[in-house]
Amino acid sequence: MRLLRLGPGIFFAKGKLILKKGISMEPEKAFEEAQELDTIIIHDDGAILIKEHPWKVLSELINSNQNITIKPSAPLILMRSPNPRKMLELIKDRVEGRILDPKSAILNSTPDETVILTTKSPLNRPVPFTAIEGGIIVEKEFQDVYRFLILEAPMLISEIEPHWNEITIKLYDSTNHYKENIERLIITIEDLDIGFIVSEGWDWDYPRPLLRVPVYRLKLLTWESPERIKFLLKGLEYSNYKRLCDIDVIVEGRKIGWFEVGKFKSKFEIAKAARKELEELLSDTTLARLREIEEKLAKTI
């Protein structure tokens, strides 16, 4: 689970700009599609998103001898929090700064400052500009601010959300395709970025007296509710009404029942709704891998 990362490098260009790479679009759209350390060049006609790191792009612009003026924005740091606005207030108390809306923070900053943007969204993918809930301009060099956040981010998060849920997830597979189902579980949790995996291993479960079955056990530390985790993982249990595995979600020794996650008439109805949401949330790469594994599993059941 990532708590902070760098944003794209943003440059403001004046003059006739000639570029043989990148995609032209509106500035907000460029930010929405940019990943960590991509490059955005904003000019009179809009913005250009270049999927390369800023140092490479800037050196190419300098060596091209174009009659343009380039001004960099302040370095951007994106920070994830269950309460983004409270996070801004905490940062302001610790390092001082000016809290502004995200766009104003970027436009009114200088290269000698640092802009921190806060969001609830996962940071392992592009973050839409609409998901940024606030920004703060810190009048300190980037290296100092980044070093502070690297060290203090866990403490800041704990101050905002002192109670984290320690969830035990147990996976049982009656067809003994544990390798494939464990991979499905892990890549889903990691891609959704819903918590810290603090331990994993094997255990025994006793569904009935004198019946002992092997289970894969994973412990997850998360600020998401157990019911939310149960719902999402329900989307991995079935494929076209074929059961691929059983996944239990346990908190403080109590197993969360399927009827606790919402008003659904059956497990199949939950699984269908959960799968639909997973397909909306997961990255294309992870979703493709899930489908590849599930196609192989379906042939063995």
Foldseek 3Di string as FASTA:
>chain_A
DDFKAWFEWEKEKEDDDDDPDFDFDAPLVLLQQGAGQWYWYQYPVHITTGRDHPVVVVVVVVVVPDPMDMFIWATEMEGAAPDFVVLVVVVCVVQNWDKDAPVCLRVVGHNQKYKYWYFNADRPGRDRSVRTGIMTIGNHHPVVVVVCCVVCVVVSRCVVPVDWFKKKKKKFFPLPPVVLLVVLVVLLCVQRVFFDFPDKDKDWDDPDPPDIGIIIMIITTGNDDLLVVVLLCLLSQDDPNHGGIDMWMDTPRDTDDPVVNDPDDDSVRSNVVNVVVSVVRGDPVSVVSSVVSVVVSVVVD
